[in-house]
PDB file of N, CA and C in Angstrom:
ATOM      1  N   MET A   1     112.840  47.542 107.901  1.00  0.00           N
ATOM      2  CA  MET A   1     111.733  48.446 107.724  1.00  0.00           C
ATOM      3  C   MET A   1     112.164  49.686 106.940  1.00  0.00           C
ATOM      4  N   ILE A   2     113.329  50.212 107.269  1.00  0.00           N
ATOM      5  CA  ILE A   2     113.832  51.391 106.567  1.00  0.00           C
ATOM      6  C   ILE A   2     114.125  51.058 105.112  1.00  0.00           C
ATOM      7  N   LEU A   3     114.662  49.855 104.868  1.00  0.00           N
ATOM      8  CA  LEU A   3     114.952  49.452 103.489  1.00  0.00           C
ATOM      9  C   LEU A   3     113.677  49.351 102.665  1.00  0.00           C
ATOM     10  N   LEU A   4     112.592  48.868 103.261  1.00  0.00           N
ATOM     11  CA  LEU A   4     111.319  48.777 102.557  1.00  0.00           C
ATOM     12  C   LEU A   4     110.817  50.168 102.176  1.00  0.00           C
ATOM     13  N   ALA A   5     110.926  51.109 103.098  1.00  0.00           N
ATOM     14  CA  ALA A   5     110.497  52.480 102.804  1.00  0.00           C
ATOM     15  C   ALA A   5     111.324  53.081 101.677  1.00  0.00           C
ATOM     16  N   LEU A   6     112.626  52.853 101.691  1.00  0.00           N
ATOM     17  CA  LEU A   6     113.488  53.358 100.617  1.00  0.00           C
ATOM     18  C   LEU A   6     113.173  52.692  99.286  1.00  0.00           C
ATOM     19  N   ALA A   7     112.899  51.391  99.304  1.00  0.00           N
ATOM     20  CA  ALA A   7     112.571  50.676  98.067  1.00  0.00           C
ATOM     21  C   ALA A   7     111.267  51.188  97.470  1.00  0.00           C
ATOM     22  N   LEU A   8     110.284  51.466  98.310  1.00  0.00           N
ATOM     23  CA  LEU A   8     109.010  51.984  97.810  1.00  0.00           C
ATOM     24  C   LEU A   8     109.174  53.375  97.209  1.00  0.00           C
ATOM     25  N   GLN A   9     110.018  54.199  97.794  1.00  0.00           N
ATOM     26  CA  GLN A   9     110.257  55.532  97.248  1.00  0.00           C
ATOM     27  C   GLN A   9     110.979  55.457  95.918  1.00  0.00           C
ATOM     28  N   ALA A  10     111.889  54.519  95.776  1.00  0.00           N
ATOM     29  CA  ALA A  10     112.676  54.402  94.544  1.00  0.00           C
ATOM     30  C   ALA A  10     111.832  53.909  93.380  1.00  0.00           C
ATOM     31  N   THR A  11     110.771  53.150  93.650  1.00  0.00           N
ATOM     32  CA  THR A  11     109.965  52.590  92.567  1.00  0.00           C
ATOM     33  C   THR A  11     108.747  53.440  92.223  1.00  0.00           C
ATOM     34  N   THR A  12     108.586  54.565  92.857  1.00  0.00           N
ATOM     35  CA  THR A  12     107.444  55.433  92.565  1.00  0.00           C
ATOM     36  C   THR A  12     107.574  55.996  91.154  1.00  0.00           C
ATOM     37  N   PRO A  13     106.540  55.830  90.310  1.00  0.00           N
ATOM     38  CA  PRO A  13     106.627  56.364  88.946  1.00  0.00           C
ATOM     39  C   PRO A  13     106.640  57.887  88.958  1.00  0.00           C
ATOM     40  N   PRO A  14     107.312  58.497  88.003  1.00  0.00           N
ATOM     41  CA  PRO A  14     107.364  59.958  87.962  1.00  0.00           C
ATOM     42  C   PRO A  14     105.996  60.547  87.631  1.00  0.00           C
ATOM     43  N   ILE A  15     105.739  61.745  88.115  1.00  0.00           N
ATOM     44  CA  ILE A  15     104.496  62.450  87.809  1.00  0.00           C
ATOM     45  C   ILE A  15     104.647  63.090  86.440  1.00  0.00           C
ATOM     46  N   VAL A  16     103.697  62.848  85.558  1.00  0.00           N
ATOM     47  CA  VAL A  16     103.742  63.422  84.214  1.00  0.00           C
ATOM     48  C   VAL A  16     102.592  64.408  84.089  1.00  0.00           C
ATOM     49  N   ASP A  17     102.899  65.641  83.780  1.00  0.00           N
ATOM     50  CA  ASP A  17     101.891  66.682  83.591  1.00  0.00           C
ATOM     51  C   ASP A  17     101.867  67.066  82.121  1.00  0.00           C
ATOM     52  N   TRP A  18     100.682  67.269  81.564  1.00  0.00           N
ATOM     53  CA  TRP A  18     100.638  67.792  80.196  1.00  0.00           C
ATOM     54  C   TRP A  18     100.749  69.295  80.296  1.00  0.00           C
ATOM     55  N   GLN A  19     101.596  69.856  79.468  1.00  0.00           N
ATOM     56  CA  GLN A  19     101.910  71.271  79.590  1.00  0.00           C
ATOM     57  C   GLN A  19     102.042  71.913  78.221  1.00  0.00           C
ATOM     58  N   PRO A  20     101.436  73.077  78.027  1.00  0.00           N
ATOM     59  CA  PRO A  20     101.574  73.775  76.754  1.00  0.00           C
ATOM     60  C   PRO A  20     102.872  74.561  76.649  1.00  0.00           C
ATOM     61  N   PHE A  21     103.645  74.635  77.714  1.00  0.00           N
ATOM     62  CA  PHE A  21     104.909  75.356  77.673  1.00  0.00           C
ATOM     63  C   PHE A  21     105.866  74.712  78.665  1.00  0.00           C
ATOM     64  N   PRO A  22     107.188  74.973  78.534  1.00  0.00           N
ATOM     65  CA  PRO A  22     108.138  74.332  79.436  1.00  0.00           C
ATOM     66  C   PRO A  22     107.886  74.769  80.878  1.00  0.00           C
ATOM     67  N   MET A  23     107.649  73.806  81.729  1.00  0.00           N
ATOM     68  CA  MET A  23     107.273  74.114  83.105  1.00  0.00           C
ATOM     69  C   MET A  23     108.359  73.697  84.077  1.00  0.00           C
ATOM     70  N   GLN A  24     108.438  74.392  85.167  1.00  0.00           N
ATOM     71  CA  GLN A  24     109.341  74.076  86.270  1.00  0.00           C
ATOM     72  C   GLN A  24     108.469  73.669  87.445  1.00  0.00           C
ATOM     73  N   ARG A  25     108.742  72.527  88.022  1.00  0.00           N
ATOM     74  CA  ARG A  25     107.961  72.085  89.182  1.00  0.00           C
ATOM     75  C   ARG A  25     108.452  72.811  90.432  1.00  0.00           C
ATOM     76  N   MET A  26     107.497  73.344  91.192  1.00  0.00           N
ATOM     77  CA  MET A  26     107.837  74.015  92.442  1.00  0.00           C
ATOM     78  C   MET A  26     107.894  72.969  93.554  1.00  0.00           C
ATOM     79  N   PRO A  27     108.613  73.226  94.621  1.00  0.00           N
ATOM     80  CA  PRO A  27     108.744  72.241  95.702  1.00  0.00           C
ATOM     81  C   PRO A  27     107.411  71.786  96.281  1.00  0.00           C
ATOM     82  N   ALA A  28     106.430  72.651  96.339  1.00  0.00           N
ATOM     83  CA  ALA A  28     105.138  72.287  96.924  1.00  0.00           C
ATOM     84  C   ALA A  28     104.233  71.580  95.918  1.00  0.00           C
ATOM     85  N   GLY A  29     104.722  71.298  94.714  1.00  0.00           N
ATOM     86  CA  GLY A  29     103.933  70.576  93.734  1.00  0.00           C
ATOM     87  C   GLY A  29     103.316  71.439  92.666  1.00  0.00           C
ATOM     88  N   GLY A  30     103.441  72.743  92.757  1.00  0.00           N
ATOM     89  CA  GLY A  30     102.896  73.626  91.734  1.00  0.00           C
ATOM     90  C   GLY A  30     103.807  73.698  90.521  1.00  0.00           C
ATOM     91  N   LEU A  31     103.349  74.388  89.499  1.00  0.00           N
ATOM     92  CA  LEU A  31     104.115  74.519  88.264  1.00  0.00           C
ATOM     93  C   LEU A  31     104.150  75.973  87.838  1.00  0.00           C
ATOM     94  N   PHE A  32     105.256  76.374  87.205  1.00  0.00           N
ATOM     95  CA  PHE A  32     105.294  77.698  86.597  1.00  0.00           C
ATOM     96  C   PHE A  32     106.084  77.625  85.303  1.00  0.00           C
ATOM     97  N   ASP A  33     105.823  78.584  84.419  1.00  0.00           N
ATOM     98  CA  ASP A  33     106.439  78.617  83.094  1.00  0.00           C
ATOM     99  C   ASP A  33     107.818  79.265  83.180  1.00  0.00           C
ATOM    100  N   ARG A  34     108.857  78.463  82.967  1.00  0.00           N
ATOM    101  CA  ARG A  34     110.237  78.973  83.027  1.00  0.00           C
ATOM    102  C   ARG A  34     110.496  80.030  81.971  1.00  0.00           C
ATOM    103  N   SER A  35     109.929  79.828  80.762  1.00  0.00           N
ATOM    104  CA  SER A  35     110.246  80.734  79.654  1.00  0.00           C
ATOM    105  C   SER A  35     109.636  82.125  79.839  1.00  0.00           C
ATOM    106  N   SER A  36     108.550  82.241  80.603  1.00  0.00           N
ATOM    107  CA  SER A  36     107.929  83.554  80.800  1.00  0.00           C
ATOM    108  C   SER A  36     108.380  84.224  82.093  1.00  0.00           C
ATOM    109  N   ALA A  37     109.092  83.500  82.937  1.00  0.00           N
ATOM    110  CA  ALA A  37     109.469  84.031  84.245  1.00  0.00           C
ATOM    111  C   ALA A  37     110.558  85.090  84.113  1.00  0.00           C
ATOM    112  N   THR A  38     110.282  86.270  84.646  1.00  0.00           N
ATOM    113  CA  THR A  38     111.258  87.363  84.627  1.00  0.00           C
ATOM    114  C   THR A  38     111.346  87.971  86.019  1.00  0.00           C
ATOM    115  N   ARG A  39     112.490  88.544  86.294  1.00  0.00           N
ATOM    116  CA  ARG A  39     112.689  89.212  87.584  1.00  0.00           C
ATOM    117  C   ARG A  39     113.212  90.612  87.329  1.00  0.00           C
ATOM    118  N   THR A  40     112.552  91.607  87.896  1.00  0.00           N
ATOM    119  CA  THR A  40     112.990  92.994  87.830  1.00  0.00           C
ATOM    120  C   THR A  40     113.125  93.475  89.268  1.00  0.00           C
ATOM    121  N   ALA A  41     114.348  93.656  89.711  1.00  0.00           N
ATOM    122  CA  ALA A  41     114.636  94.011  91.109  1.00  0.00           C
ATOM    123  C   ALA A  41     114.018  92.947  92.020  1.00  0.00           C
ATOM    124  N   ASP A  42     113.038  93.319  92.841  1.00  0.00           N
ATOM    125  CA  ASP A  42     112.429  92.370  93.776  1.00  0.00           C
ATOM    126  C   ASP A  42     111.125  91.767  93.264  1.00  0.00           C
ATOM    127  N   VAL A  43     110.682  92.139  92.064  1.00  0.00           N
ATOM    128  CA  VAL A  43     109.395  91.668  91.538  1.00  0.00           C
ATOM    129  C   VAL A  43     109.617  90.577  90.492  1.00  0.00           C
ATOM    130  N   VAL A  44     108.958  89.429  90.711  1.00  0.00           N
ATOM    131  CA  VAL A  44     109.011  88.302  89.777  1.00  0.00           C
ATOM    132  C   VAL A  44     107.656  88.197  89.101  1.00  0.00           C
ATOM    133  N   ARG A  45     107.671  87.999  87.775  1.00  0.00           N
ATOM    134  CA  ARG A  45     106.441  87.834  86.998  1.00  0.00           C
ATOM    135  C   ARG A  45     106.544  86.521  86.235  1.00  0.00           C
ATOM    136  N   ALA A  46     105.493  85.671  86.330  1.00  0.00           N
ATOM    137  CA  ALA A  46     105.495  84.382  85.625  1.00  0.00           C
ATOM    138  C   ALA A  46     104.075  83.843  85.526  1.00  0.00           C
ATOM    139  N   TRP A  47     103.855  82.990  84.511  1.00  0.00           N
ATOM    140  CA  TRP A  47     102.603  82.250  84.417  1.00  0.00           C
ATOM    141  C   TRP A  47     102.696  81.088  85.392  1.00  0.00           C
ATOM    142  N   VAL A  48     101.688  80.942  86.255  1.00  0.00           N
ATOM    143  CA  VAL A  48     101.654  79.890  87.267  1.00  0.00           C
ATOM    144  C   VAL A  48     100.441  79.011  87.011  1.00  0.00           C
ATOM    145  N   ARG A  49     100.637  77.689  87.042  1.00  0.00           N
ATOM    146  CA  ARG A  49      99.550  76.727  86.830  1.00  0.00           C
ATOM    147  C   ARG A  49      98.727  76.582  88.100  1.00  0.00           C
ATOM    148  N   LEU A  50      97.419  76.739  87.983  1.00  0.00           N
ATOM    149  CA  LEU A  50      96.505  76.528  89.098  1.00  0.00           C
ATOM    150  C   LEU A  50      95.987  75.103  88.992  1.00  0.00           C
ATOM    151  N   LEU A  51      96.287  74.272  89.958  1.00  0.00           N
ATOM    152  CA  LEU A  51      95.900  72.868  89.909  1.00  0.00           C
ATOM    153  C   LEU A  51      94.594  72.649  90.662  1.00  0.00           C
ATOM    154  N   ASN A  52      93.582  72.142  89.941  1.00  0.00           N
ATOM    155  CA  ASN A  52      92.302  71.789  90.536  1.00  0.00           C
ATOM    156  C   ASN A  52      91.675  72.955  91.304  1.00  0.00           C
ATOM    157  N   VAL A  53      91.708  74.128  90.689  1.00  0.00           N
ATOM    158  CA  VAL A  53      91.145  75.328  91.317  1.00  0.00           C
ATOM    159  C   VAL A  53      90.026  75.854  90.433  1.00  0.00           C
ATOM    160  N   GLU A  54      88.866  76.117  91.025  1.00  0.00           N
ATOM    161  CA  GLU A  54      87.767  76.714  90.268  1.00  0.00           C
ATOM    162  C   GLU A  54      87.767  78.215  90.507  1.00  0.00           C
ATOM    163  N   LEU A  55      87.779  78.972  89.420  1.00  0.00           N
ATOM    164  CA  LEU A  55      87.718  80.429  89.513  1.00  0.00           C
ATOM    165  C   LEU A  55      86.387  80.878  88.935  1.00  0.00           C
ATOM    166  N   LYS A  56      85.606  81.586  89.706  1.00  0.00           N
ATOM    167  CA  LYS A  56      84.293  82.046  89.231  1.00  0.00           C
ATOM    168  C   LYS A  56      84.455  82.888  87.974  1.00  0.00           C
ATOM    169  N   GLY A  57      83.723  82.536  86.928  1.00  0.00           N
ATOM    170  CA  GLY A  57      83.768  83.272  85.675  1.00  0.00           C
ATOM    171  C   GLY A  57      84.946  82.926  84.785  1.00  0.00           C
ATOM    172  N   VAL A  58      85.851  82.069  85.263  1.00  0.00           N
ATOM    173  CA  VAL A  58      87.026  81.718  84.460  1.00  0.00           C
ATOM    174  C   VAL A  58      86.967  80.261  84.024  1.00  0.00           C
ATOM    175  N   ASN A  59      86.973  79.339  84.963  1.00  0.00           N
ATOM    176  CA  ASN A  59      86.994  77.913  84.617  1.00  0.00           C
ATOM    177  C   ASN A  59      86.061  77.096  85.508  1.00  0.00           C
ATOM    178  N   GLU A  60      84.770  77.334  85.376  1.00  0.00           N
ATOM    179  CA  GLU A  60      83.803  76.644  86.224  1.00  0.00           C
ATOM    180  C   GLU A  60      83.883  75.125  86.097  1.00  0.00           C
ATOM    181  N   ALA A  61      84.291  74.622  84.947  1.00  0.00           N
ATOM    182  CA  ALA A  61      84.388  73.176  84.753  1.00  0.00           C
ATOM    183  C   ALA A  61      85.719  72.632  85.265  1.00  0.00           C
ATOM    184  N   ARG A  62      86.478  73.455  85.975  1.00  0.00           N
ATOM    185  CA  ARG A  62      87.775  73.075  86.541  1.00  0.00           C
ATOM    186  C   ARG A  62      88.770  72.621  85.479  1.00  0.00           C
ATOM    187  N   GLN A  63      88.738  73.283  84.309  1.00  0.00           N
ATOM    188  CA  GLN A  63      89.765  72.999  83.326  1.00  0.00           C
ATOM    189  C   GLN A  63      91.091  73.533  83.860  1.00  0.00           C
ATOM    190  N   GLN A  64      92.149  73.187  83.148  1.00  0.00           N
ATOM    191  CA  GLN A  64      93.473  73.689  83.528  1.00  0.00           C
ATOM    192  C   GLN A  64      93.487  75.204  83.382  1.00  0.00           C
ATOM    193  N   ALA A  65      93.895  75.901  84.410  1.00  0.00           N
ATOM    194  CA  ALA A  65      93.935  77.364  84.370  1.00  0.00           C
ATOM    195  C   ALA A  65      95.318  77.851  84.784  1.00  0.00           C
ATOM    196  N   ASP A  66      95.728  78.953  84.195  1.00  0.00           N
ATOM    197  CA  ASP A  66      97.005  79.588  84.515  1.00  0.00           C
ATOM    198  C   ASP A  66      96.733  81.038  84.881  1.00  0.00           C
ATOM    199  N   VAL A  67      97.562  81.574  85.756  1.00  0.00           N
ATOM    200  CA  VAL A  67      97.456  82.984  86.133  1.00  0.00           C
ATOM    201  C   VAL A  67      98.809  83.644  85.903  1.00  0.00           C
ATOM    202  N   LEU A  68      98.783  84.837  85.315  1.00  0.00           N
ATOM    203  CA  LEU A  68      99.999  85.632  85.195  1.00  0.00           C
ATOM    204  C   LEU A  68     100.147  86.353  86.529  1.00  0.00           C
ATOM    205  N   MET A  69     101.108  85.907  87.320  1.00  0.00           N
ATOM    206  CA  MET A  69     101.250  86.377  88.693  1.00  0.00           C
ATOM    207  C   MET A  69     102.497  87.241  88.840  1.00  0.00           C
ATOM    208  N   GLU A  70     102.369  88.285  89.626  1.00  0.00           N
ATOM    209  CA  GLU A  70     103.521  89.089  90.025  1.00  0.00           C
ATOM    210  C   GLU A  70     103.672  88.959  91.535  1.00  0.00           C
ATOM    211  N   VAL A  71     104.899  88.750  91.981  1.00  0.00           N
ATOM    212  CA  VAL A  71     105.166  88.666  93.414  1.00  0.00           C
ATOM    213  C   VAL A  71     106.309  89.615  93.759  1.00  0.00           C
ATOM    214  N   ASP A  72     106.172  90.286  94.875  1.00  0.00           N
ATOM    215  CA  ASP A  72     107.234  91.162  95.377  1.00  0.00           C
ATOM    216  C   ASP A  72     107.939  90.391  96.486  1.00  0.00           C
ATOM    217  N   CYS A  73     109.171  90.004  96.233  1.00  0.00           N
ATOM    218  CA  CYS A  73     109.897  89.146  97.168  1.00  0.00           C
ATOM    219  C   CYS A  73     110.336  89.878  98.437  1.00  0.00           C
ATOM    220  N   ARG A  74     110.544  91.165  98.361  1.00  0.00           N
ATOM    221  CA  ARG A  74     111.020  91.913  99.527  1.00  0.00           C
ATOM    222  C   ARG A  74     109.867  92.272 100.463  1.00  0.00           C
ATOM    223  N   LYS A  75     108.720  92.649  99.896  1.00  0.00           N
ATOM    224  CA  LYS A  75     107.591  93.114 100.709  1.00  0.00           C
ATOM    225  C   LYS A  75     106.535  92.041 100.951  1.00  0.00           C
ATOM    226  N   GLU A  76     106.746  90.813 100.463  1.00  0.00           N
ATOM    227  CA  GLU A  76     105.790  89.714 100.621  1.00  0.00           C
ATOM    228  C   GLU A  76     104.404  90.070 100.094  1.00  0.00           C
ATOM    229  N   LEU A  77     104.371  90.605  98.872  1.00  0.00           N
ATOM    230  CA  LEU A  77     103.116  90.955  98.218  1.00  0.00           C
ATOM    231  C   LEU A  77     102.962  90.130  96.949  1.00  0.00           C
ATOM    232  N   MET A  78     101.701  89.954  96.502  1.00  0.00           N
ATOM    233  CA  MET A  78     101.453  89.253  95.242  1.00  0.00           C
ATOM    234  C   MET A  78     100.156  89.751  94.627  1.00  0.00           C
ATOM    235  N   ARG A  79     100.020  89.519  93.306  1.00  0.00           N
ATOM    236  CA  ARG A  79      98.787  89.877  92.603  1.00  0.00           C
ATOM    237  C   ARG A  79      98.694  89.068  91.322  1.00  0.00           C
ATOM    238  N   GLY A  80      97.465  88.890  90.837  1.00  0.00           N
ATOM    239  CA  GLY A  80      97.208  88.235  89.559  1.00  0.00           C
ATOM    240  C   GLY A  80      96.885  89.282  88.513  1.00  0.00           C
ATOM    241  N   LEU A  81      97.486  89.153  87.327  1.00  0.00           N
ATOM    242  CA  LEU A  81      97.271  90.155  86.277  1.00  0.00           C
ATOM    243  C   LEU A  81      96.315  89.680  85.192  1.00  0.00           C
ATOM    244  N   SER A  82      96.376  88.398  84.835  1.00  0.00           N
ATOM    245  CA  SER A  82      95.436  87.857  83.852  1.00  0.00           C
ATOM    246  C   SER A  82      95.341  86.350  84.025  1.00  0.00           C
ATOM    247  N   TYR A  83      94.287  85.786  83.444  1.00  0.00           N
ATOM    248  CA  TYR A  83      94.012  84.359  83.567  1.00  0.00           C
ATOM    249  C   TYR A  83      93.791  83.771  82.189  1.00  0.00           C
ATOM    250  N   ARG A  84      94.061  82.471  82.055  1.00  0.00           N
ATOM    251  CA  ARG A  84      93.736  81.763  80.817  1.00  0.00           C
ATOM    252  C   ARG A  84      93.388  80.320  81.153  1.00  0.00           C
ATOM    253  N   VAL A  85      92.480  79.771  80.364  1.00  0.00           N
ATOM    254  CA  VAL A  85      92.075  78.377  80.484  1.00  0.00           C
ATOM    255  C   VAL A  85      92.573  77.679  79.230  1.00  0.00           C
ATOM    256  N   THR A  86      93.261  76.551  79.395  1.00  0.00           N
ATOM    257  CA  THR A  86      93.847  75.856  78.245  1.00  0.00           C
ATOM    258  C   THR A  86      93.389  74.409  78.176  1.00  0.00           C
ATOM    259  N   ARG A  87      93.432  73.891  76.960  1.00  0.00           N
ATOM    260  CA  ARG A  87      93.136  72.488  76.698  1.00  0.00           C
ATOM    261  C   ARG A  87      94.440  71.697  76.797  1.00  0.00           C
ATOM    262  N   ALA A  88      94.363  70.378  76.800  1.00  0.00           N
ATOM    263  CA  ALA A  88      95.549  69.526  76.936  1.00  0.00           C
ATOM    264  C   ALA A  88      96.576  69.766  75.841  1.00  0.00           C
ATOM    265  N   ASP A  89      96.135  70.145  74.639  1.00  0.00           N
ATOM    266  CA  ASP A  89      97.081  70.375  73.539  1.00  0.00           C
ATOM    267  C   ASP A  89      97.675  71.781  73.579  1.00  0.00           C
ATOM    268  N   GLY A  90      97.314  72.579  74.578  1.00  0.00           N
ATOM    269  CA  GLY A  90      97.863  73.922  74.714  1.00  0.00           C
ATOM    270  C   GLY A  90      96.995  75.012  74.118  1.00  0.00           C
ATOM    271  N   THR A  91      95.887  74.640  73.477  1.00  0.00           N
ATOM    272  CA  THR A  91      94.981  75.628  72.906  1.00  0.00           C
ATOM    273  C   THR A  91      94.358  76.465  74.023  1.00  0.00           C
ATOM    274  N   VAL A  92      94.411  77.768  73.877  1.00  0.00           N
ATOM    275  CA  VAL A  92      93.820  78.657  74.884  1.00  0.00           C
ATOM    276  C   VAL A  92      92.325  78.751  74.619  1.00  0.00           C
ATOM    277  N   LEU A  93      91.516  78.300  75.581  1.00  0.00           N
ATOM    278  CA  LEU A  93      90.060  78.324  75.444  1.00  0.00           C
ATOM    279  C   LEU A  93      89.489  79.674  75.849  1.00  0.00           C
ATOM    280  N   LYS A  94      90.105  80.307  76.829  1.00  0.00           N
ATOM    281  CA  LYS A  94      89.595  81.566  77.350  1.00  0.00           C
ATOM    282  C   LYS A  94      90.764  82.333  77.953  1.00  0.00           C
ATOM    283  N   SER A  95      90.789  83.623  77.712  1.00  0.00           N
ATOM    284  CA  SER A  95      91.842  84.468  78.267  1.00  0.00           C
ATOM    285  C   SER A  95      91.211  85.789  78.677  1.00  0.00           C
ATOM    286  N   GLU A  96      91.500  86.236  79.877  1.00  0.00           N
ATOM    287  CA  GLU A  96      90.925  87.499  80.332  1.00  0.00           C
ATOM    288  C   GLU A  96      91.828  88.173  81.349  1.00  0.00           C
ATOM    289  N   SER A  97      91.700  89.482  81.413  1.00  0.00           N
ATOM    290  CA  SER A  97      92.461  90.263  82.389  1.00  0.00           C
ATOM    291  C   SER A  97      91.836  90.108  83.764  1.00  0.00           C
ATOM    292  N   ALA A  98      92.630  90.309  84.775  1.00  0.00           N
ATOM    293  CA  ALA A  98      92.134  90.236  86.144  1.00  0.00           C
ATOM    294  C   ALA A  98      91.248  91.443  86.435  1.00  0.00           C
ATOM    295  N   THR A  99      90.338  91.270  87.364  1.00  0.00           N
ATOM    296  CA  THR A  99      89.499  92.384  87.796  1.00  0.00           C
ATOM    297  C   THR A  99      90.369  93.364  88.590  1.00  0.00           C
ATOM    298  N   PRO A 100      89.901  94.598  88.773  1.00  0.00           N
ATOM    299  CA  PRO A 100      90.683  95.548  89.583  1.00  0.00           C
ATOM    300  C   PRO A 100      90.995  95.010  90.984  1.00  0.00           C
ATOM    301  N   GLU A 101      90.060  94.272  91.568  1.00  0.00           N
ATOM    302  CA  GLU A 101      90.294  93.690  92.903  1.00  0.00           C
ATOM    303  C   GLU A 101      91.416  92.645  92.855  1.00  0.00           C
ATOM    304  N   GLN A 102      91.395  91.779  91.820  1.00  0.00           N
ATOM    305  CA  GLN A 102      92.412  90.735  91.701  1.00  0.00           C
ATOM    306  C   GLN A 102      93.788  91.303  91.379  1.00  0.00           C
ATOM    307  N   SER A 103      93.833  92.429  90.679  1.00  0.00           N
ATOM    308  CA  SER A 103      95.120  92.975  90.257  1.00  0.00           C
ATOM    309  C   SER A 103      95.755  93.913  91.290  1.00  0.00           C
ATOM    310  N   ARG A 104      95.097  94.092  92.440  1.00  0.00           N
ATOM    311  CA  ARG A 104      95.696  94.884  93.521  1.00  0.00           C
ATOM    312  C   ARG A 104      96.725  94.041  94.263  1.00  0.00           C
ATOM    313  N   TRP A 105      97.775  94.684  94.736  1.00  0.00           N
ATOM    314  CA  TRP A 105      98.766  93.983  95.551  1.00  0.00           C
ATOM    315  C   TRP A 105      98.126  93.553  96.863  1.00  0.00           C
ATOM    316  N   LYS A 106      98.352  92.281  97.243  1.00  0.00           N
ATOM    317  CA  LYS A 106      97.832  91.745  98.504  1.00  0.00           C
ATOM    318  C   LYS A 106      98.991  91.156  99.292  1.00  0.00           C
ATOM    319  N   ARG A 107      98.934  91.283 100.593  1.00  0.00           N
ATOM    320  CA  ARG A 107      99.967  90.690 101.441  1.00  0.00           C
ATOM    321  C   ARG A 107      99.837  89.173 101.379  1.00  0.00           C
ATOM    322  N   ALA A 108     100.942  88.495 101.133  1.00  0.00           N
ATOM    323  CA  ALA A 108     100.963  87.036 101.068  1.00  0.00           C
ATOM    324  C   ALA A 108     101.294  86.488 102.448  1.00  0.00           C
ATOM    325  N   THR A 109     100.353  85.753 103.041  1.00  0.00           N
ATOM    326  CA  THR A 109     100.568  85.191 104.373  1.00  0.00           C
ATOM    327  C   THR A 109     100.506  83.674 104.317  1.00  0.00           C
ATOM    328  N   ILE A 110     101.116  83.026 105.274  1.00  0.00           N
ATOM    329  CA  ILE A 110     101.136  81.561 105.324  1.00  0.00           C
ATOM    330  C   ILE A 110      99.703  81.046 105.366  1.00  0.00           C
ATOM    331  N   GLY A 111      99.422  80.027 104.566  1.00  0.00           N
ATOM    332  CA  GLY A 111      98.089  79.449 104.486  1.00  0.00           C
ATOM    333  C   GLY A 111      97.240  80.053 103.395  1.00  0.00           C
ATOM    334  N   MET A 112      97.661  81.182 102.855  1.00  0.00           N
ATOM    335  CA  MET A 112      96.919  81.840 101.783  1.00  0.00           C
ATOM    336  C   MET A 112      97.195  81.125 100.464  1.00  0.00           C
ATOM    337  N   ARG A 113      96.157  80.997  99.613  1.00  0.00           N
ATOM    338  CA  ARG A 113      96.369  80.398  98.301  1.00  0.00           C
ATOM    339  C   ARG A 113      97.383  81.246  97.534  1.00  0.00           C
ATOM    340  N   GLY A 114      98.398  80.620  97.007  1.00  0.00           N
ATOM    341  CA  GLY A 114      99.420  81.336  96.261  1.00  0.00           C
ATOM    342  C   GLY A 114     100.665  81.646  97.070  1.00  0.00           C
ATOM    343  N   TYR A 115     100.599  81.448  98.400  1.00  0.00           N
ATOM    344  CA  TYR A 115     101.772  81.746  99.231  1.00  0.00           C
ATOM    345  C   TYR A 115     102.952  80.866  98.837  1.00  0.00           C
ATOM    346  N   ASP A 116     102.686  79.564  98.612  1.00  0.00           N
ATOM    347  CA  ASP A 116     103.778  78.664  98.221  1.00  0.00           C
ATOM    348  C   ASP A 116     104.325  79.038  96.847  1.00  0.00           C
ATOM    349  N   ALA A 117     103.462  79.512  95.945  1.00  0.00           N
ATOM    350  CA  ALA A 117     103.928  79.949  94.623  1.00  0.00           C
ATOM    351  C   ALA A 117     104.829  81.169  94.774  1.00  0.00           C
ATOM    352  N   ARG A 118     104.462  82.097  95.647  1.00  0.00           N
ATOM    353  CA  ARG A 118     105.295  83.278  95.873  1.00  0.00           C
ATOM    354  C   ARG A 118     106.661  82.880  96.402  1.00  0.00           C
ATOM    355  N   MET A 119     106.684  81.978  97.366  1.00  0.00           N
ATOM    356  CA  MET A 119     107.955  81.527  97.945  1.00  0.00           C
ATOM    357  C   MET A 119     108.825  80.853  96.886  1.00  0.00           C
ATOM    358  N   ALA A 120     108.211  79.987  96.074  1.00  0.00           N
ATOM    359  CA  ALA A 120     108.981  79.262  95.055  1.00  0.00           C
ATOM    360  C   ALA A 120     109.499  80.202  93.977  1.00  0.00           C
ATOM    361  N   LEU A 121     108.672  81.125  93.507  1.00  0.00           N
ATOM    362  CA  LEU A 121     109.115  82.056  92.466  1.00  0.00           C
ATOM    363  C   LEU A 121     110.264  82.925  92.971  1.00  0.00           C
ATOM    364  N   CYS A 122     110.162  83.390  94.200  1.00  0.00           N
ATOM    365  CA  CYS A 122     111.238  84.232  94.749  1.00  0.00           C
ATOM    366  C   CYS A 122     112.542  83.449  94.859  1.00  0.00           C
ATOM    367  N   ARG A 123     112.446  82.168  95.159  1.00  0.00           N
ATOM    368  CA  ARG A 123     113.646  81.354  95.310  1.00  0.00           C
ATOM    369  C   ARG A 123     114.205  80.859  93.982  1.00  0.00           C
ATOM    370  N   LEU A 124     113.335  80.504  93.024  1.00  0.00           N
ATOM    371  CA  LEU A 124     113.785  79.849  91.796  1.00  0.00           C
ATOM    372  C   LEU A 124     114.098  80.792  90.642  1.00  0.00           C
ATOM    373  N   VAL A 125     113.463  81.959  90.595  1.00  0.00           N
ATOM    374  CA  VAL A 125     113.687  82.882  89.474  1.00  0.00           C
ATOM    375  C   VAL A 125     114.745  83.896  89.885  1.00  0.00           C
ATOM    376  N   LYS A 126     115.856  83.865  89.193  1.00  0.00           N
ATOM    377  CA  LYS A 126     116.984  84.768  89.525  1.00  0.00           C
ATOM    378  C   LYS A 126     117.026  85.942  88.586  1.00  0.00           C
TER     379      LYS A 126
END
């Protein structure tokens, strides 16, 4: 029985994502842009891919959307600075700054959307 489970795991095809920039897969299945990721002291800034998320006024048709996110690793805070909607070939369809409410620092708690992204960015971006 254990051998069957191992055989099924070994034959699973890899997940292929179309990406307009080099992406790093996060442990929870999310994606972020390695080339834009920067760390200044305890604050990490990177473009993060939002998978199957509808944002009012941004991507009502559930197109691929990215958020420029900042996370504070020491204080467990996060915020979104801007959003963009892209096509499969990487063409940016829409780009806009976050509203004042979205750009405020918010406490990141377990179960909150973006909590796993905050954890992954703090761990993966040095």
